[in-house]
Structure formats: C-alpha cells, structure tokens
N, C-alpha and C. Protein backbone atom coordinates (compact mmCIF):
# COMPACT_ATOMS: atom_id res chain seq x y z
N MET A 1 79.78 208.95 257.29
CA MET A 1 80.67 209.85 257.98
C MET A 1 81.30 210.81 256.98
N ALA A 2 81.46 212.01 257.41
CA ALA A 2 82.07 212.99 256.52
C ALA A 2 82.94 213.93 257.33
N ASN A 3 84.07 214.24 256.77
CA ASN A 3 84.93 215.22 257.41
C ASN A 3 84.45 216.59 256.95
N ILE A 4 83.91 217.37 257.88
CA ILE A 4 83.31 218.65 257.56
C ILE A 4 84.31 219.58 256.87
N SER A 5 85.60 219.46 257.16
CA SER A 5 86.59 220.36 256.56
C SER A 5 86.62 220.23 255.05
N LYS A 6 86.14 219.15 254.50
CA LYS A 6 86.12 218.93 253.06
C LYS A 6 84.84 219.47 252.43
N LYS A 7 83.96 220.03 253.21
CA LYS A 7 82.68 220.49 252.72
C LYS A 7 82.80 221.85 252.05
N SER A 8 81.98 222.04 251.04
CA SER A 8 81.99 223.28 250.29
C SER A 8 80.98 224.27 250.85
N ASN A 9 81.04 225.48 250.34
CA ASN A 9 80.05 226.49 250.71
C ASN A 9 78.65 226.03 250.35
N GLU A 10 78.53 225.32 249.23
CA GLU A 10 77.21 224.80 248.81
C GLU A 10 76.66 223.84 249.86
N PHE A 11 77.52 223.01 250.41
CA PHE A 11 77.08 222.09 251.45
C PHE A 11 76.50 222.87 252.63
N TYR A 12 77.23 223.89 253.07
CA TYR A 12 76.77 224.67 254.22
C TYR A 12 75.47 225.41 253.94
N LYS A 13 75.30 225.88 252.72
CA LYS A 13 74.04 226.54 252.35
C LYS A 13 72.88 225.56 252.45
N ARG A 14 73.05 224.35 251.90
CA ARG A 14 71.99 223.33 251.96
C ARG A 14 71.73 222.91 253.41
N PHE A 15 72.81 222.76 254.17
CA PHE A 15 72.68 222.35 255.57
C PHE A 15 71.91 223.39 256.36
N LYS A 16 72.19 224.68 256.12
CA LYS A 16 71.48 225.75 256.81
C LYS A 16 69.98 225.70 256.49
N ILE A 17 69.65 225.48 255.23
CA ILE A 17 68.24 225.38 254.84
C ILE A 17 67.58 224.21 255.56
N GLN A 18 68.27 223.08 255.62
CA GLN A 18 67.72 221.90 256.31
C GLN A 18 67.51 222.18 257.79
N LEU A 19 68.46 222.84 258.41
CA LEU A 19 68.32 223.17 259.83
C LEU A 19 67.18 224.17 260.05
N ASP A 20 67.07 225.16 259.17
CA ASP A 20 65.97 226.13 259.27
C ASP A 20 64.61 225.44 259.17
N ASP A 21 64.52 224.49 258.25
CA ASP A 21 63.26 223.79 258.01
C ASP A 21 62.93 222.73 259.05
N SER A 22 63.93 222.26 259.78
CA SER A 22 63.73 221.11 260.67
C SER A 22 63.11 221.47 262.02
N GLN A 23 63.25 222.71 262.46
CA GLN A 23 62.74 223.08 263.78
C GLN A 23 62.75 224.58 263.95
N ASN A 24 62.20 225.02 265.05
CA ASN A 24 62.24 226.44 265.42
C ASN A 24 63.52 226.71 266.20
N TRP A 25 64.02 227.93 266.04
CA TRP A 25 65.26 228.32 266.71
C TRP A 25 64.99 229.46 267.65
N PRO A 26 65.65 229.53 268.80
CA PRO A 26 66.65 228.58 269.31
C PRO A 26 66.03 227.21 269.54
N GLY A 27 66.91 226.20 269.46
CA GLY A 27 66.44 224.84 269.62
C GLY A 27 67.56 223.87 269.94
N PRO A 28 67.18 222.63 270.26
CA PRO A 28 68.18 221.62 270.62
C PRO A 28 68.92 221.09 269.40
N TYR A 29 70.17 220.73 269.62
CA TYR A 29 70.97 220.11 268.56
C TYR A 29 72.04 219.25 269.21
N MET A 30 72.36 218.13 268.55
CA MET A 30 73.42 217.24 269.04
C MET A 30 74.52 217.13 267.99
N PHE A 31 75.73 217.46 268.42
CA PHE A 31 76.92 217.27 267.60
C PHE A 31 77.51 215.92 267.95
N LYS A 32 77.98 215.19 266.93
CA LYS A 32 78.63 213.90 267.16
C LYS A 32 79.96 213.85 266.42
N PHE A 33 80.98 213.35 267.12
CA PHE A 33 82.32 213.27 266.55
C PHE A 33 82.97 211.95 266.93
N ILE A 34 83.97 211.57 266.14
CA ILE A 34 84.80 210.41 266.45
C ILE A 34 86.25 210.85 266.40
N ILE A 35 87.02 210.43 267.40
CA ILE A 35 88.47 210.70 267.42
C ILE A 35 89.20 209.43 267.81
N LYS A 36 90.49 209.38 267.48
CA LYS A 36 91.32 208.28 267.94
C LYS A 36 91.47 208.39 269.44
N ASN A 37 91.52 207.26 270.10
CA ASN A 37 91.54 207.22 271.56
C ASN A 37 92.73 207.98 272.16
N ASN A 38 93.86 207.94 271.50
CA ASN A 38 95.05 208.58 272.06
C ASN A 38 95.22 210.02 271.57
N SER A 39 94.21 210.56 270.93
CA SER A 39 94.29 211.90 270.37
C SER A 39 94.19 212.97 271.45
N GLU A 40 94.97 214.02 271.28
CA GLU A 40 94.89 215.16 272.19
C GLU A 40 93.78 216.12 271.76
N ASP A 41 93.11 215.79 270.67
CA ASP A 41 92.08 216.67 270.14
C ASP A 41 90.82 216.73 271.00
N LEU A 42 90.64 215.80 271.91
CA LEU A 42 89.47 215.83 272.79
C LEU A 42 89.49 217.12 273.62
N ASP A 43 90.64 217.48 274.15
CA ASP A 43 90.74 218.72 274.92
C ASP A 43 90.44 219.94 274.05
N LYS A 44 90.93 219.93 272.82
CA LYS A 44 90.67 221.04 271.90
C LYS A 44 89.18 221.12 271.57
N LEU A 45 88.56 219.98 271.39
CA LEU A 45 87.13 219.93 271.10
C LEU A 45 86.32 220.49 272.26
N LYS A 46 86.71 220.11 273.47
CA LYS A 46 86.02 220.62 274.66
C LYS A 46 86.17 222.14 274.78
N ILE A 47 87.31 222.66 274.38
CA ILE A 47 87.52 224.11 274.43
C ILE A 47 86.57 224.83 273.47
N ILE A 48 86.39 224.27 272.28
CA ILE A 48 85.49 224.88 271.29
C ILE A 48 84.07 224.98 271.85
N PHE A 49 83.64 223.97 272.61
CA PHE A 49 82.28 223.96 273.14
C PHE A 49 82.18 224.54 274.55
N SER A 50 83.28 225.05 275.08
CA SER A 50 83.28 225.51 276.48
C SER A 50 82.41 226.74 276.72
N ASP A 51 82.11 227.51 275.69
CA ASP A 51 81.26 228.69 275.85
C ASP A 51 79.77 228.36 275.79
N TYR A 52 79.44 227.09 275.63
CA TYR A 52 78.05 226.67 275.48
C TYR A 52 77.66 225.72 276.60
N GLU A 53 76.41 225.80 277.00
CA GLU A 53 75.90 224.86 278.00
C GLU A 53 75.49 223.58 277.27
N CYS A 54 76.38 222.62 277.30
CA CYS A 54 76.15 221.35 276.59
C CYS A 54 76.40 220.18 277.52
N ASN A 55 75.66 219.12 277.27
CA ASN A 55 75.97 217.85 277.90
C ASN A 55 76.97 217.15 276.98
N CYS A 56 78.08 216.74 277.56
CA CYS A 56 79.11 216.04 276.79
C CYS A 56 79.11 214.57 277.21
N LYS A 57 79.01 213.69 276.21
CA LYS A 57 79.08 212.25 276.47
C LYS A 57 80.23 211.68 275.66
N ILE A 58 81.01 210.84 276.32
CA ILE A 58 82.17 210.22 275.69
C ILE A 58 82.05 208.72 275.87
N LYS A 59 82.22 208.00 274.76
CA LYS A 59 82.14 206.54 274.81
C LYS A 59 83.29 205.97 274.00
N SER A 60 84.02 205.03 274.59
CA SER A 60 85.11 204.37 273.88
C SER A 60 84.57 203.23 273.03
N SER A 61 85.23 202.97 271.92
CA SER A 61 84.84 201.86 271.06
C SER A 61 85.15 200.54 271.76
N ASP A 62 84.58 199.46 271.27
CA ASP A 62 84.76 198.14 271.89
C ASP A 62 86.23 197.76 272.01
N LYS A 63 87.02 198.05 270.98
CA LYS A 63 88.44 197.71 271.02
C LYS A 63 89.28 198.80 271.65
N GLY A 64 88.67 199.93 271.97
CA GLY A 64 89.39 201.01 272.63
C GLY A 64 90.24 201.88 271.72
N ASN A 65 90.07 201.72 270.40
CA ASN A 65 90.88 202.52 269.47
C ASN A 65 90.32 203.92 269.23
N TYR A 66 89.02 204.08 269.41
CA TYR A 66 88.35 205.35 269.11
C TYR A 66 87.44 205.76 270.25
N LYS A 67 87.11 207.06 270.23
CA LYS A 67 86.12 207.59 271.16
C LYS A 67 85.03 208.28 270.36
N SER A 68 83.81 208.09 270.80
CA SER A 68 82.67 208.81 270.26
C SER A 68 82.32 209.91 271.24
N ILE A 69 82.21 211.13 270.74
CA ILE A 69 81.92 212.28 271.61
C ILE A 69 80.68 212.97 271.08
N SER A 70 79.76 213.28 271.98
CA SER A 70 78.59 214.05 271.57
C SER A 70 78.43 215.24 272.51
N PHE A 71 77.99 216.35 271.94
CA PHE A 71 77.67 217.56 272.67
C PHE A 71 76.22 217.89 272.34
N GLU A 72 75.39 217.95 273.37
CA GLU A 72 73.98 218.24 273.15
C GLU A 72 73.61 219.47 273.96
N GLY A 73 72.95 220.41 273.28
CA GLY A 73 72.55 221.63 273.95
C GLY A 73 71.52 222.39 273.14
N VAL A 74 71.18 223.57 273.61
CA VAL A 74 70.26 224.45 272.89
C VAL A 74 71.09 225.54 272.24
N PHE A 75 70.87 225.73 270.95
CA PHE A 75 71.64 226.69 270.17
C PHE A 75 70.71 227.71 269.55
N GLU A 76 71.25 228.90 269.29
CA GLU A 76 70.45 230.04 268.85
C GLU A 76 69.95 229.93 267.42
N SER A 77 70.78 229.38 266.52
CA SER A 77 70.42 229.41 265.10
C SER A 77 71.23 228.39 264.32
N PRO A 78 70.79 228.09 263.08
CA PRO A 78 71.59 227.24 262.21
C PRO A 78 72.98 227.82 261.94
N THR A 79 73.08 229.13 261.89
CA THR A 79 74.38 229.77 261.67
C THR A 79 75.35 229.43 262.80
N GLU A 80 74.85 229.40 264.02
CA GLU A 80 75.69 229.04 265.15
C GLU A 80 76.17 227.59 265.03
N ILE A 81 75.30 226.71 264.61
CA ILE A 81 75.65 225.29 264.42
C ILE A 81 76.77 225.18 263.37
N ILE A 82 76.57 225.83 262.25
CA ILE A 82 77.54 225.76 261.16
C ILE A 82 78.87 226.37 261.59
N ASP A 83 78.84 227.48 262.31
CA ASP A 83 80.08 228.09 262.79
C ASP A 83 80.87 227.14 263.69
N LEU A 84 80.16 226.39 264.53
CA LEU A 84 80.84 225.42 265.40
C LEU A 84 81.45 224.29 264.57
N TYR A 85 80.73 223.80 263.58
CA TYR A 85 81.29 222.76 262.71
C TYR A 85 82.55 223.27 262.00
N LYS A 86 82.53 224.51 261.57
CA LYS A 86 83.70 225.07 260.89
C LYS A 86 84.89 225.18 261.84
N LYS A 87 84.64 225.56 263.10
CA LYS A 87 85.73 225.61 264.08
C LYS A 87 86.32 224.22 264.31
N VAL A 88 85.46 223.22 264.43
CA VAL A 88 85.92 221.85 264.65
C VAL A 88 86.70 221.35 263.43
N SER A 89 86.32 221.80 262.25
CA SER A 89 87.00 221.33 261.03
C SER A 89 88.47 221.73 261.00
N SER A 90 88.87 222.69 261.84
CA SER A 90 90.29 223.08 261.90
C SER A 90 91.13 222.03 262.63
N LEU A 91 90.49 221.10 263.31
CA LEU A 91 91.20 220.03 264.02
C LEU A 91 91.32 218.83 263.06
N ASP A 92 92.53 218.37 262.83
CA ASP A 92 92.79 217.37 261.81
C ASP A 92 92.24 215.97 262.11
N ASN A 93 92.25 215.56 263.34
CA ASN A 93 91.97 214.16 263.67
C ASN A 93 90.57 213.91 264.16
N ILE A 94 89.63 214.77 263.79
CA ILE A 94 88.25 214.61 264.25
C ILE A 94 87.35 214.36 263.05
N ILE A 95 86.51 213.36 263.18
CA ILE A 95 85.52 213.05 262.15
C ILE A 95 84.17 213.50 262.67
N SER A 96 83.48 214.33 261.88
CA SER A 96 82.15 214.79 262.24
C SER A 96 81.13 213.84 261.65
N LEU A 97 80.14 213.50 262.45
CA LEU A 97 79.07 212.63 261.97
C LEU A 97 77.82 213.44 261.70
C-alpha cells in the first residue's frame, strides 16, 4: 500500500510508462482505495469520480473499521489515470492501492 500523495514526479513518470506499455488506450482501469469506515472522505472520493462512467464497489472490512472502494471504468489515457490519483491524493484519509 502506498499513499500516492507521497509519490514523486519520478514515480508518476515510471507509472505513466508502465500504463502506456500495459495496454492500448482508451482502456479499462480499476482504482482501489481504503478509508476508515467513519470517514467523510467517501463522499469526496465519489465526487472526484462523478464525471466518469465507473462501477463503484464498496466493501467493509471484517471488523467494520475500514472500507475498500474500487472504481472501474474505461479511461482515455495514462495521463487521465495519473491526474485522478493526484486529485485523490489531496484527501488526507485515503490510502491508494
């Protein structure tokens, strides 16, 4: 697990290359996040993805302390993926997987 907000420009450059090499674009991609169950950040996360046609799945942890959230959809480019990760990184209580 890594908090994307701590990532450097070098990380994003390597990630873009990996995304470019992994498939043709536009193409499918799944974002995965973890938040505390009582966090208000779920609504903020949904707002970030509201402009995209995504399937959103939410699953609570066994003890109910955390939620796993995934957004799956078709995206235009690796740049779009990275831009979304950067927007999410502005939210303090979200862990990107």
